[in-house]
């Protein structure tokens, strides 16, 4: 630490006590009144207050207020333009929605007509195909029934022949004598009539 001779003289010795704690009052201040409350300085304070307020007022009136007014006017104009644009876009959107809904309704109606026409056409086609198939099946069934009846008739005719031959053979085996075909045929016919 750097120590000046004046500081060294003022430094107390180790055994000395400091008893002074205050500062001389009249030496530091020129008077006993706080300067802003000193009535002798009021005229200059008032003069500077008027000058400062006038400069501030002129600055506000000529520069700041017109700028703020311009900013507010520009903002108001921009907001009005934005609102007009929003109203225009809303009307366009409403018109587009109305057109869309109209076209959607027309498309649904057209789709319904197309679906109905397709359903009717497919039903008519299916009915025609079913009728053709039924006619074809009826013809096949009739032909099959005719063939079955013919086969049945031939089978019954052959059954009589087989029955007559079989009865003739059985009678010949049992009796040992041969019977006439007319007698066997009459006996088979009589038994067939009783069974029917």
Protein backbone atom coordinates (compact mmCIF):
# COMPACT_ATOMS: atom_id res chain seq x y z
CA UNK A 1 0.00 0.00 0.00
CA UNK A 2 1.14 3.48 -0.89
CA UNK A 3 1.19 5.84 2.11
CA UNK A 4 1.47 9.60 1.80
CA UNK A 5 3.17 11.73 4.49
CA UNK A 6 -0.14 13.41 5.32
CA UNK A 7 -1.79 10.04 5.86
CA UNK A 8 1.11 8.92 7.98
CA UNK A 9 0.74 11.97 10.23
CA UNK A 10 -2.96 11.48 10.60
CA UNK A 11 -2.69 7.79 11.41
CA UNK A 12 -3.03 7.38 15.19
CA UNK A 13 -0.58 5.45 17.17
CA UNK A 14 -1.57 2.13 18.50
CA UNK A 15 -2.33 3.26 21.97
CA UNK A 16 -4.41 6.31 20.97
CA UNK A 17 -8.17 6.25 20.78
CA UNK A 18 -10.32 8.25 18.42
CA UNK A 19 -12.97 10.15 20.17
CA UNK A 20 -14.19 12.28 17.26
CA UNK A 21 -16.92 10.77 15.13
CA UNK A 22 -18.59 13.74 13.53
CA UNK A 23 -17.95 16.18 10.74
CA UNK A 24 -17.84 19.91 11.13
CA UNK A 25 -21.28 21.16 10.04
CA UNK A 26 -20.61 24.67 8.98
CA UNK A 27 -17.46 23.98 7.09
CA UNK A 28 -19.03 21.66 4.44
CA UNK A 29 -22.23 23.67 3.81
CA UNK A 30 -22.60 27.25 2.86
CA UNK A 31 -25.86 27.68 4.81
CA UNK A 32 -28.39 25.71 6.72
CA UNK A 33 -31.08 25.44 3.93
CA UNK A 34 -31.42 22.63 1.39
CA UNK A 35 -30.78 24.29 -2.04
CA UNK A 36 -34.07 23.27 -3.78
CA UNK A 37 -35.95 24.78 -0.83
CA UNK A 38 -33.91 27.96 -0.82
CA UNK A 39 -36.28 30.82 -1.74
CA UNK A 40 -33.50 32.83 -3.28
CA UNK A 41 -33.18 30.23 -6.12
CA UNK A 42 -36.94 29.99 -6.86
CA UNK A 43 -37.01 32.54 -9.72
CA UNK A 44 -34.26 30.74 -11.67
CA UNK A 45 -35.87 27.36 -10.95
CA UNK A 46 -39.24 28.62 -12.20
CA UNK A 47 -37.61 30.14 -15.30
CA UNK A 48 -35.93 26.84 -16.18
CA UNK A 49 -39.16 24.97 -15.44
CA UNK A 50 -41.07 27.20 -17.90
CA UNK A 51 -38.32 26.90 -20.54
CA UNK A 52 -38.11 23.10 -20.17
CA UNK A 53 -41.89 22.68 -20.18
CA UNK A 54 -42.21 24.96 -23.23
CA UNK A 55 -39.53 23.05 -25.15
CA UNK A 56 -41.12 19.74 -24.17
CA UNK A 57 -44.59 21.04 -25.11
CA UNK A 58 -43.36 22.31 -28.50
CA UNK A 59 -41.56 19.00 -29.11
CA UNK A 60 -44.74 17.08 -28.27
CA UNK A 61 -46.96 19.39 -30.35
CA UNK A 62 -44.75 19.63 -33.44
CA UNK A 63 -43.06 16.21 -33.57
CA UNK A 64 -44.38 13.45 -31.33
CA UNK A 65 -48.16 14.03 -31.48
CA UNK A 66 -48.23 14.35 -35.33
CA UNK A 67 -46.18 11.17 -35.63
CA UNK A 68 -48.50 9.34 -33.23
CA UNK A 69 -51.51 10.73 -35.12
CA UNK A 70 -50.04 9.54 -38.41
CA UNK A 71 -49.31 6.13 -36.96
CA UNK A 72 -52.84 5.85 -35.55
CA UNK A 73 -54.36 7.04 -38.83
CA UNK A 74 -52.25 4.57 -40.84
CA UNK A 75 -53.18 1.79 -38.45
CA UNK A 76 -56.86 2.75 -38.66
CA UNK A 77 -56.69 2.80 -42.48
CA UNK A 78 -54.89 -0.55 -42.54
CA UNK A 79 -57.45 -2.07 -40.17
CA UNK A 80 -60.30 -0.70 -42.30
CA UNK A 81 -58.66 -2.14 -45.44
CA UNK A 82 -58.14 -5.48 -43.70
CA UNK A 83 -61.78 -5.53 -42.58
CA UNK A 84 -62.94 -4.68 -46.11
CA UNK A 85 -60.68 -7.41 -47.52
CA UNK A 86 -61.97 -9.87 -44.92
CA UNK A 87 -65.58 -9.01 -45.80
CA UNK A 88 -64.82 -9.44 -49.51
CA UNK A 89 -63.09 -12.77 -48.90
CA UNK A 90 -65.96 -13.91 -46.68
CA UNK A 91 -68.50 -13.10 -49.38
CA UNK A 92 -66.35 -14.96 -51.94
CA UNK A 93 -66.04 -17.93 -49.57
CA UNK A 94 -69.81 -17.92 -48.96
CA UNK A 95 -70.43 -17.85 -52.71
CA UNK A 96 -67.93 -20.68 -53.24
CA UNK A 97 -69.55 -22.74 -50.47
CA UNK A 98 -73.00 -22.14 -51.95
CA UNK A 99 -71.75 -23.18 -55.41
CA UNK A 100 -70.04 -26.24 -53.92
CA UNK A 101 -73.19 -27.28 -52.05
CA UNK A 102 -75.31 -26.78 -55.17
CA UNK A 103 -72.90 -28.86 -57.27
CA UNK A 104 -72.69 -31.50 -54.52
CA UNK A 105 -76.48 -31.78 -54.41
CA UNK A 106 -76.63 -32.07 -58.20
CA UNK A 107 -73.85 -34.68 -58.18
CA UNK A 108 -75.64 -36.68 -55.48
CA UNK A 109 -78.87 -36.57 -57.48
CA UNK A 110 -77.05 -37.61 -60.66
CA UNK A 111 -75.24 -40.41 -58.79
CA UNK A 112 -78.59 -41.58 -57.42
CA UNK A 113 -80.06 -41.60 -60.92
CA UNK A 114 -77.05 -43.47 -62.31
CA UNK A 115 -77.20 -46.00 -59.46
CA UNK A 116 -80.94 -46.44 -59.93
CA UNK A 117 -80.56 -46.88 -63.69
CA UNK A 118 -77.70 -49.35 -63.19
CA UNK A 119 -79.72 -51.25 -60.57
CA UNK A 120 -82.76 -51.37 -62.87
CA UNK A 121 -80.63 -52.45 -65.84
CA UNK A 122 -78.88 -55.16 -63.84
CA UNK A 123 -82.23 -56.33 -62.42
CA UNK A 124 -83.76 -56.48 -65.91
CA UNK A 125 -80.70 -58.32 -67.22
CA UNK A 126 -80.78 -60.75 -64.28
CA UNK A 127 -84.53 -61.31 -64.77
CA UNK A 128 -84.00 -61.96 -68.49
CA UNK A 129 -81.12 -64.35 -67.78
CA UNK A 130 -83.15 -66.10 -65.05
CA UNK A 131 -86.14 -66.46 -67.40
CA UNK A 132 -83.86 -67.87 -70.13
CA UNK A 133 -82.25 -70.27 -67.67
CA UNK A 134 -85.66 -71.30 -66.30
CA UNK A 135 -86.94 -71.91 -69.85
CA UNK A 136 -83.84 -73.91 -70.68
CA UNK A 137 -84.09 -75.87 -67.42
CA UNK A 138 -87.81 -76.50 -67.99
CA UNK A 139 -87.02 -77.86 -71.46
CA UNK A 140 -84.21 -80.03 -70.04
CA UNK A 141 -86.47 -81.23 -67.20
CA UNK A 142 -89.24 -82.08 -69.67
CA UNK A 143 -86.76 -83.94 -71.88
CA UNK A 144 -85.34 -85.75 -68.84
CA UNK A 145 -88.82 -86.68 -67.61
CA UNK A 146 -89.67 -87.94 -71.09
CA UNK A 147 -86.48 -90.04 -71.16
CA UNK A 148 -87.16 -91.28 -67.63
CA UNK A 149 -90.73 -92.24 -68.56
CA UNK A 150 -89.44 -93.99 -71.69
CA UNK A 151 -86.76 -95.80 -69.70
CA UNK A 152 -89.30 -96.67 -67.04
CA UNK A 153 -91.72 -98.01 -69.64
CA UNK A 154 -88.95 -100.06 -71.25
CA UNK A 155 -87.83 -101.24 -67.82
CA UNK A 156 -91.38 -102.29 -66.91
CA UNK A 157 -91.72 -103.99 -70.26
CA UNK A 158 -88.48 -105.80 -69.67
CA UNK A 159 -89.48 -106.54 -66.08
CA UNK A 160 -92.51 -108.38 -67.40
CA UNK A 161 -90.30 -110.29 -69.82
CA UNK A 162 -87.75 -111.00 -67.09
CA UNK A 163 -90.52 -111.98 -64.66
CA UNK A 164 -92.08 -114.31 -67.24
CA UNK A 165 -88.69 -115.91 -68.01
CA UNK A 166 -87.84 -116.19 -64.31
CA UNK A 167 -91.23 -117.67 -63.38
CA UNK A 168 -90.96 -120.11 -66.27
CA UNK A 169 -87.54 -121.23 -65.10
CA UNK A 170 -88.65 -121.55 -61.47
CA UNK A 171 -91.78 -123.52 -62.40
CA UNK A 172 -89.72 -125.81 -64.61
CA UNK A 173 -87.22 -126.36 -61.80
CA UNK A 174 -89.85 -126.97 -59.16
CA UNK A 175 -92.38 -129.00 -61.10
CA UNK A 176 -90.08 -130.39 -63.64
CA UNK A 177 -92.62 -129.64 -66.39
CA UNK A 178 -92.53 -126.78 -68.81
CA UNK A 179 -95.44 -124.30 -68.76
CA UNK A 180 -96.66 -122.31 -71.71
CA UNK A 181 -95.65 -118.71 -72.11
CA UNK A 182 -99.30 -117.58 -72.23
CA UNK A 183 -100.08 -119.20 -68.87
CA UNK A 184 -97.00 -117.67 -67.24
CA UNK A 185 -97.78 -114.25 -68.73
CA UNK A 186 -101.37 -114.38 -67.44
CA UNK A 187 -100.17 -115.37 -63.95
CA UNK A 188 -97.54 -112.54 -63.83
CA UNK A 189 -100.08 -109.97 -65.07
CA UNK A 190 -102.58 -111.07 -62.40
CA UNK A 191 -99.99 -110.73 -59.62
CA UNK A 192 -98.88 -107.31 -60.93
CA UNK A 193 -102.47 -106.04 -60.90
CA UNK A 194 -102.97 -107.24 -57.32
CA UNK A 195 -99.73 -105.50 -56.16
CA UNK A 196 -100.62 -102.23 -57.83
